[in-house]
């Protein structure tokens, strides 16, 4: 599973990355987390507000630092 965190590195982006990793570990799924900070790449995915969560190429959340429990729903 490929999990991407889109954002410039703000506190919300960092929190989303931490929560995504916690959710993936809790579910026991095989995953790779990638942080995307390049604005051009973020816009290519159609995202205009960060942080954003992308799972296997599909944008799942925009503009929120989701909790690990919320992220588990997208990963299972």
PDB file of N, CA and C in Angstrom:
ATOM      1  N   UNK A   1       0.849  -1.176   0.000  1.00  0.00           N
ATOM      2  CA  UNK A   1       0.000   0.000   0.000  1.00  0.00           C
ATOM      3  C   UNK A   1       0.893   1.237   0.000  1.00  0.00           C
ATOM      4  N   UNK A   2       0.556   2.173  -0.857  1.00  0.00           N
ATOM      5  CA  UNK A   2       1.321   3.416  -0.959  1.00  0.00           C
ATOM      6  C   UNK A   2       0.495   4.541  -0.350  1.00  0.00           C
ATOM      7  N   UNK A   3       1.030   5.133   0.707  1.00  0.00           N
ATOM      8  CA  UNK A   3       0.358   6.226   1.401  1.00  0.00           C
ATOM      9  C   UNK A   3       1.164   7.490   1.156  1.00  0.00           C
ATOM     10  N   UNK A   4       0.512   8.496   0.598  1.00  0.00           N
ATOM     11  CA  UNK A   4       1.186   9.762   0.354  1.00  0.00           C
ATOM     12  C   UNK A   4       0.576  10.849   1.238  1.00  0.00           C
ATOM     13  N   UNK A   5       1.454  11.655   1.819  1.00  0.00           N
ATOM     14  CA  UNK A   5       1.039  12.810   2.592  1.00  0.00           C
ATOM     15  C   UNK A   5       1.437  14.031   1.771  1.00  0.00           C
ATOM     16  N   UNK A   6       0.440  14.803   1.360  1.00  0.00           N
ATOM     17  CA  UNK A   6       0.697  15.983   0.543  1.00  0.00           C
ATOM     18  C   UNK A   6       0.700  17.216   1.434  1.00  0.00           C
ATOM     19  N   UNK A   7       1.773  17.978   1.377  1.00  0.00           N
ATOM     20  CA  UNK A   7       1.859  19.199   2.170  1.00  0.00           C
ATOM     21  C   UNK A   7       3.272  19.723   2.236  1.00  0.00           C
ATOM     22  N   UNK A   8       3.389  20.941   2.716  1.00  0.00           N
ATOM     23  CA  UNK A   8       4.668  21.625   2.722  1.00  0.00           C
ATOM     24  C   UNK A   8       5.497  21.355   3.974  1.00  0.00           C
ATOM     25  N   UNK A   9       4.973  20.587   4.891  1.00  0.00           N
ATOM     26  CA  UNK A   9       5.720  20.294   6.112  1.00  0.00           C
ATOM     27  C   UNK A   9       5.210  21.051   7.325  1.00  0.00           C
ATOM     28  N   UNK A  10       4.025  21.579   7.244  1.00  0.00           N
ATOM     29  CA  UNK A  10       3.424  22.309   8.361  1.00  0.00           C
ATOM     30  C   UNK A  10       3.102  21.333   9.503  1.00  0.00           C
ATOM     31  N   UNK A  11       2.806  21.824  10.695  1.00  0.00           N
ATOM     32  CA  UNK A  11       2.483  20.938  11.813  1.00  0.00           C
ATOM     33  C   UNK A  11       1.328  19.965  11.509  1.00  0.00           C
ATOM     34  N   UNK A  12       0.304  20.431  10.789  1.00  0.00           N
ATOM     35  CA  UNK A  12      -0.818  19.538  10.442  1.00  0.00           C
ATOM     36  C   UNK A  12      -0.349  18.412   9.520  1.00  0.00           C
ATOM     37  N   UNK A  13       0.549  18.737   8.598  1.00  0.00           N
ATOM     38  CA  UNK A  13       1.079  17.734   7.674  1.00  0.00           C
ATOM     39  C   UNK A  13       1.859  16.672   8.444  1.00  0.00           C
ATOM     40  N   UNK A  14       2.670  17.108   9.372  1.00  0.00           N
ATOM     41  CA  UNK A  14       3.468  16.184  10.181  1.00  0.00           C
ATOM     42  C   UNK A  14       2.567  15.291  11.025  1.00  0.00           C
ATOM     43  N   UNK A  15       1.506  15.860  11.586  1.00  0.00           N
ATOM     44  CA  UNK A  15       0.568  15.092  12.406  1.00  0.00           C
ATOM     45  C   UNK A  15      -0.156  14.047  11.552  1.00  0.00           C
ATOM     46  N   UNK A  16      -0.561  14.441  10.349  1.00  0.00           N
ATOM     47  CA  UNK A  16      -1.230  13.504   9.449  1.00  0.00           C
ATOM     48  C   UNK A  16      -0.302  12.336   9.109  1.00  0.00           C
ATOM     49  N   UNK A  17       0.977  12.633   8.871  1.00  0.00           N
ATOM     50  CA  UNK A  17       1.949  11.579   8.561  1.00  0.00           C
ATOM     51  C   UNK A  17       2.111  10.629   9.742  1.00  0.00           C
ATOM     52  N   UNK A  18       2.222  11.179  10.949  1.00  0.00           N
ATOM     53  CA  UNK A  18       2.341  10.343  12.157  1.00  0.00           C
ATOM     54  C   UNK A  18       1.116   9.456  12.322  1.00  0.00           C
ATOM     55  N   UNK A  19      -0.069  10.035  12.149  1.00  0.00           N
ATOM     56  CA  UNK A  19      -1.307   9.276  12.322  1.00  0.00           C
ATOM     57  C   UNK A  19      -1.475   8.205  11.244  1.00  0.00           C
ATOM     58  N   UNK A  20      -1.053   8.506  10.022  1.00  0.00           N
ATOM     59  CA  UNK A  20      -1.142   7.522   8.937  1.00  0.00           C
ATOM     60  C   UNK A  20      -0.239   6.329   9.228  1.00  0.00           C
ATOM     61  N   UNK A  21       0.955   6.613   9.717  1.00  0.00           N
ATOM     62  CA  UNK A  21       1.874   5.526  10.051  1.00  0.00           C
ATOM     63  C   UNK A  21       1.324   4.689  11.202  1.00  0.00           C
ATOM     64  N   UNK A  22       0.770   5.344  12.211  1.00  0.00           N
ATOM     65  CA  UNK A  22       0.183   4.628  13.349  1.00  0.00           C
ATOM     66  C   UNK A  22      -0.980   3.739  12.896  1.00  0.00           C
ATOM     67  N   UNK A  23      -1.815   4.262  12.000  1.00  0.00           N
ATOM     68  CA  UNK A  23      -2.971   3.506  11.505  1.00  0.00           C
ATOM     69  C   UNK A  23      -2.512   2.279  10.716  1.00  0.00           C
ATOM     70  N   UNK A  24      -1.531   2.458   9.846  1.00  0.00           N
ATOM     71  CA  UNK A  24      -1.035   1.343   9.035  1.00  0.00           C
ATOM     72  C   UNK A  24      -0.403   0.266   9.916  1.00  0.00           C
ATOM     73  N   UNK A  25       0.366   0.689  10.906  1.00  0.00           N
ATOM     74  CA  UNK A  25       0.989  -0.275  11.824  1.00  0.00           C
ATOM     75  C   UNK A  25      -0.075  -1.025  12.625  1.00  0.00           C
ATOM     76  N   UNK A  26      -1.088  -0.306  13.096  1.00  0.00           N
ATOM     77  CA  UNK A  26      -2.153  -0.923  13.894  1.00  0.00           C
ATOM     78  C   UNK A  26      -2.918  -1.972  13.089  1.00  0.00           C
ATOM     79  N   UNK A  27      -3.090  -1.715  11.784  1.00  0.00           N
ATOM     80  CA  UNK A  27      -3.812  -2.669  10.930  1.00  0.00           C
ATOM     81  C   UNK A  27      -2.909  -3.802  10.444  1.00  0.00           C
ATOM     82  N   UNK A  28      -1.605  -3.609  10.582  1.00  0.00           N
ATOM     83  CA  UNK A  28      -0.671  -4.643  10.152  1.00  0.00           C
ATOM     84  C   UNK A  28      -0.554  -4.769   8.639  1.00  0.00           C
ATOM     85  N   UNK A  29      -0.830  -3.686   7.929  1.00  0.00           N
ATOM     86  CA  UNK A  29      -0.721  -3.727   6.469  1.00  0.00           C
ATOM     87  C   UNK A  29       0.703  -3.366   6.041  1.00  0.00           C
ATOM     88  N   UNK A  30       1.088  -3.881   4.884  1.00  0.00           N
ATOM     89  CA  UNK A  30       2.380  -3.523   4.313  1.00  0.00           C
ATOM     90  C   UNK A  30       2.202  -2.161   3.653  1.00  0.00           C
ATOM     91  N   UNK A  31       3.068  -1.225   3.975  1.00  0.00           N
ATOM     92  CA  UNK A  31       2.874   0.135   3.472  1.00  0.00           C
ATOM     93  C   UNK A  31       4.200   0.851   3.256  1.00  0.00           C
ATOM     94  N   UNK A  32       4.108   1.905   2.468  1.00  0.00           N
ATOM     95  CA  UNK A  32       5.228   2.820   2.272  1.00  0.00           C
ATOM     96  C   UNK A  32       4.641   4.224   2.346  1.00  0.00           C
ATOM     97  N   UNK A  33       5.213   5.059   3.217  1.00  0.00           N
ATOM     98  CA  UNK A  33       4.740   6.440   3.331  1.00  0.00           C
ATOM     99  C   UNK A  33       5.677   7.340   2.550  1.00  0.00           C
ATOM    100  N   UNK A  34       5.069   8.186   1.743  1.00  0.00           N
ATOM    101  CA  UNK A  34       5.823   9.124   0.917  1.00  0.00           C
ATOM    102  C   UNK A  34       5.290  10.530   1.203  1.00  0.00           C
ATOM    103  N   UNK A  35       6.195  11.436   1.498  1.00  0.00           N
ATOM    104  CA  UNK A  35       5.794  12.828   1.730  1.00  0.00           C
ATOM    105  C   UNK A  35       6.030  13.617   0.451  1.00  0.00           C
ATOM    106  N   UNK A  36       4.977  14.248  -0.030  1.00  0.00           N
ATOM    107  CA  UNK A  36       5.045  15.027  -1.266  1.00  0.00           C
ATOM    108  C   UNK A  36       4.956  16.503  -0.882  1.00  0.00           C
ATOM    109  N   UNK A  37       6.052  17.230  -1.100  1.00  0.00           N
ATOM    110  CA  UNK A  37       6.092  18.640  -0.720  1.00  0.00           C
ATOM    111  C   UNK A  37       6.108  19.581  -1.921  1.00  0.00           C
ATOM    112  N   UNK A  38       6.317  19.049  -3.115  1.00  0.00           N
ATOM    113  CA  UNK A  38       6.376  19.862  -4.329  1.00  0.00           C
ATOM    114  C   UNK A  38       4.964  20.304  -4.722  1.00  0.00           C
ATOM    115  N   UNK A  39       4.760  21.611  -4.715  1.00  0.00           N
ATOM    116  CA  UNK A  39       3.433  22.163  -5.018  1.00  0.00           C
ATOM    117  C   UNK A  39       2.919  21.709  -6.384  1.00  0.00           C
ATOM    118  N   UNK A  40       3.787  21.618  -7.373  1.00  0.00           N
ATOM    119  CA  UNK A  40       3.386  21.185  -8.712  1.00  0.00           C
ATOM    120  C   UNK A  40       2.841  19.764  -8.670  1.00  0.00           C
ATOM    121  N   UNK A  41       3.512  18.879  -7.950  1.00  0.00           N
ATOM    122  CA  UNK A  41       3.063  17.489  -7.834  1.00  0.00           C
ATOM    123  C   UNK A  41       1.728  17.413  -7.078  1.00  0.00           C
ATOM    124  N   UNK A  42       1.597  18.220  -6.044  1.00  0.00           N
ATOM    125  CA  UNK A  42       0.348  18.251  -5.264  1.00  0.00           C
ATOM    126  C   UNK A  42      -0.806  18.695  -6.161  1.00  0.00           C
ATOM    127  N   UNK A  43      -0.585  19.723  -6.964  1.00  0.00           N
ATOM    128  CA  UNK A  43      -1.632  20.233  -7.849  1.00  0.00           C
ATOM    129  C   UNK A  43      -1.982  19.234  -8.947  1.00  0.00           C
ATOM    130  N   UNK A  44      -1.021  18.422  -9.387  1.00  0.00           N
ATOM    131  CA  UNK A  44      -1.288  17.395 -10.402  1.00  0.00           C
ATOM    132  C   UNK A  44      -2.333  16.396  -9.908  1.00  0.00           C
ATOM    133  N   UNK A  45      -2.386  16.211  -8.589  1.00  0.00           N
ATOM    134  CA  UNK A  45      -3.372  15.300  -8.009  1.00  0.00           C
ATOM    135  C   UNK A  45      -4.713  15.998  -7.765  1.00  0.00           C
ATOM    136  N   UNK A  46      -4.808  17.274  -8.138  1.00  0.00           N
ATOM    137  CA  UNK A  46      -6.058  18.014  -8.001  1.00  0.00           C
ATOM    138  C   UNK A  46      -6.284  18.555  -6.606  1.00  0.00           C
ATOM    139  N   UNK A  47      -5.236  18.591  -5.795  1.00  0.00           N
ATOM    140  CA  UNK A  47      -5.365  19.046  -4.408  1.00  0.00           C
ATOM    141  C   UNK A  47      -4.971  20.515  -4.323  1.00  0.00           C
ATOM    142  N   UNK A  48      -5.851  21.319  -3.738  1.00  0.00           N
ATOM    143  CA  UNK A  48      -5.593  22.749  -3.607  1.00  0.00           C
ATOM    144  C   UNK A  48      -5.419  23.170  -2.149  1.00  0.00           C
ATOM    145  N   UNK A  49      -5.635  22.252  -1.215  1.00  0.00           N
ATOM    146  CA  UNK A  49      -5.497  22.565   0.200  1.00  0.00           C
ATOM    147  C   UNK A  49      -4.798  21.398   0.882  1.00  0.00           C
ATOM    148  N   UNK A  50      -3.854  21.711   1.746  1.00  0.00           N
ATOM    149  CA  UNK A  50      -3.115  20.669   2.445  1.00  0.00           C
ATOM    150  C   UNK A  50      -3.389  20.760   3.945  1.00  0.00           C
ATOM    151  N   UNK A  51      -3.127  19.711   4.687  1.00  0.00           N
ATOM    152  CA  UNK A  51      -2.560  18.446   4.244  1.00  0.00           C
ATOM    153  C   UNK A  51      -3.603  17.592   3.530  1.00  0.00           C
ATOM    154  N   UNK A  52      -3.101  16.662   2.739  1.00  0.00           N
ATOM    155  CA  UNK A  52      -3.990  15.733   2.046  1.00  0.00           C
ATOM    156  C   UNK A  52      -3.434  14.316   2.193  1.00  0.00           C
ATOM    157  N   UNK A  53      -4.338  13.353   2.212  1.00  0.00           N
ATOM    158  CA  UNK A  53      -3.986  11.943   2.323  1.00  0.00           C
ATOM    159  C   UNK A  53      -4.358  11.254   1.013  1.00  0.00           C
ATOM    160  N   UNK A  54      -3.382  10.554   0.432  1.00  0.00           N
ATOM    161  CA  UNK A  54      -3.606   9.815  -0.808  1.00  0.00           C
ATOM    162  C   UNK A  54      -3.221   8.369  -0.546  1.00  0.00           C
ATOM    163  N   UNK A  55      -4.129   7.444  -0.874  1.00  0.00           N
ATOM    164  CA  UNK A  55      -3.876   6.015  -0.685  1.00  0.00           C
ATOM    165  C   UNK A  55      -3.943   5.330  -2.042  1.00  0.00           C
ATOM    166  N   UNK A  56      -2.836   4.717  -2.429  1.00  0.00           N
ATOM    167  CA  UNK A  56      -2.737   4.028  -3.725  1.00  0.00           C
ATOM    168  C   UNK A  56      -3.234   4.889  -4.879  1.00  0.00           C
ATOM    169  N   UNK A  57      -2.859   6.166  -4.869  1.00  0.00           N
ATOM    170  CA  UNK A  57      -3.183   7.065  -5.966  1.00  0.00           C
ATOM    171  C   UNK A  57      -4.528   7.764  -5.880  1.00  0.00           C
ATOM    172  N   UNK A  58      -5.342   7.414  -4.884  1.00  0.00           N
ATOM    173  CA  UNK A  58      -6.665   8.032  -4.738  1.00  0.00           C
ATOM    174  C   UNK A  58      -6.656   9.011  -3.566  1.00  0.00           C
ATOM    175  N   UNK A  59      -7.078  10.253  -3.818  1.00  0.00           N
ATOM    176  CA  UNK A  59      -7.144  11.260  -2.765  1.00  0.00           C
ATOM    177  C   UNK A  59      -8.285  10.890  -1.824  1.00  0.00           C
ATOM    178  N   UNK A  60      -7.959  10.744  -0.534  1.00  0.00           N
ATOM    179  CA  UNK A  60      -8.954  10.333   0.456  1.00  0.00           C
ATOM    180  C   UNK A  60      -9.387  11.468   1.374  1.00  0.00           C
ATOM    181  N   UNK A  61      -8.510  12.435   1.601  1.00  0.00           N
ATOM    182  CA  UNK A  61      -8.836  13.532   2.511  1.00  0.00           C
ATOM    183  C   UNK A  61      -8.027  14.764   2.133  1.00  0.00           C
ATOM    184  N   UNK A  62      -8.654  15.932   2.264  1.00  0.00           N
ATOM    185  CA  UNK A  62      -7.987  17.196   1.943  1.00  0.00           C
ATOM    186  C   UNK A  62      -8.262  18.200   3.056  1.00  0.00           C
ATOM    187  N   UNK A  63      -7.212  18.874   3.502  1.00  0.00           N
ATOM    188  CA  UNK A  63      -7.365  19.979   4.447  1.00  0.00           C
ATOM    189  C   UNK A  63      -7.547  19.595   5.897  1.00  0.00           C
ATOM    190  N   UNK A  64      -7.357  18.317   6.233  1.00  0.00           N
ATOM    191  CA  UNK A  64      -7.564  17.882   7.615  1.00  0.00           C
ATOM    192  C   UNK A  64      -6.412  16.995   8.076  1.00  0.00           C
ATOM    193  N   UNK A  65      -6.084  17.120   9.350  1.00  0.00           N
ATOM    194  CA  UNK A  65      -5.127  16.205   9.971  1.00  0.00           C
ATOM    195  C   UNK A  65      -5.967  15.123  10.651  1.00  0.00           C
ATOM    196  N   UNK A  66      -6.322  14.100   9.893  1.00  0.00           N
ATOM    197  CA  UNK A  66      -7.188  13.041  10.397  1.00  0.00           C
ATOM    198  C   UNK A  66      -6.541  12.277  11.541  1.00  0.00           C
ATOM    199  N   UNK A  67      -7.379  11.715  12.409  1.00  0.00           N
ATOM    200  CA  UNK A  67      -6.872  10.855  13.477  1.00  0.00           C
ATOM    201  C   UNK A  67      -6.516   9.493  12.897  1.00  0.00           C
ATOM    202  N   UNK A  68      -5.741   8.734  13.646  1.00  0.00           N
ATOM    203  CA  UNK A  68      -5.363   7.386  13.196  1.00  0.00           C
ATOM    204  C   UNK A  68      -6.597   6.535  12.969  1.00  0.00           C
ATOM    205  N   UNK A  69      -7.612   6.678  13.813  1.00  0.00           N
ATOM    206  CA  UNK A  69      -8.835   5.891  13.655  1.00  0.00           C
ATOM    207  C   UNK A  69      -9.550   6.228  12.348  1.00  0.00           C
ATOM    208  N   UNK A  70      -9.598   7.513  11.994  1.00  0.00           N
ATOM    209  CA  UNK A  70     -10.223   7.912  10.732  1.00  0.00           C
ATOM    210  C   UNK A  70      -9.449   7.338   9.549  1.00  0.00           C
ATOM    211  N   UNK A  71      -8.134   7.353   9.641  1.00  0.00           N
ATOM    212  CA  UNK A  71      -7.282   6.868   8.550  1.00  0.00           C
ATOM    213  C   UNK A  71      -7.428   5.371   8.381  1.00  0.00           C
ATOM    214  N   UNK A  72      -7.641   4.638   9.456  1.00  0.00           N
ATOM    215  CA  UNK A  72      -7.820   3.171   9.375  1.00  0.00           C
ATOM    216  C   UNK A  72      -8.951   2.807   8.424  1.00  0.00           C
ATOM    217  N   UNK A  73     -10.004   3.622   8.398  1.00  0.00           N
ATOM    218  CA  UNK A  73     -11.144   3.354   7.509  1.00  0.00           C
ATOM    219  C   UNK A  73     -10.712   3.355   6.042  1.00  0.00           C
ATOM    220  N   UNK A  74      -9.781   4.245   5.694  1.00  0.00           N
ATOM    221  CA  UNK A  74      -9.307   4.336   4.309  1.00  0.00           C
ATOM    222  C   UNK A  74      -8.325   3.233   3.961  1.00  0.00           C
ATOM    223  N   UNK A  75      -7.668   2.670   4.977  1.00  0.00           N
ATOM    224  CA  UNK A  75      -6.637   1.671   4.738  1.00  0.00           C
ATOM    225  C   UNK A  75      -7.159   0.244   4.758  1.00  0.00           C
ATOM    226  N   UNK A  76      -8.346   0.047   5.309  1.00  0.00           N
ATOM    227  CA  UNK A  76      -8.866  -1.329   5.404  1.00  0.00           C
ATOM    228  C   UNK A  76      -9.834  -1.671   4.300  1.00  0.00           C
TER     229      UNK A  76
END
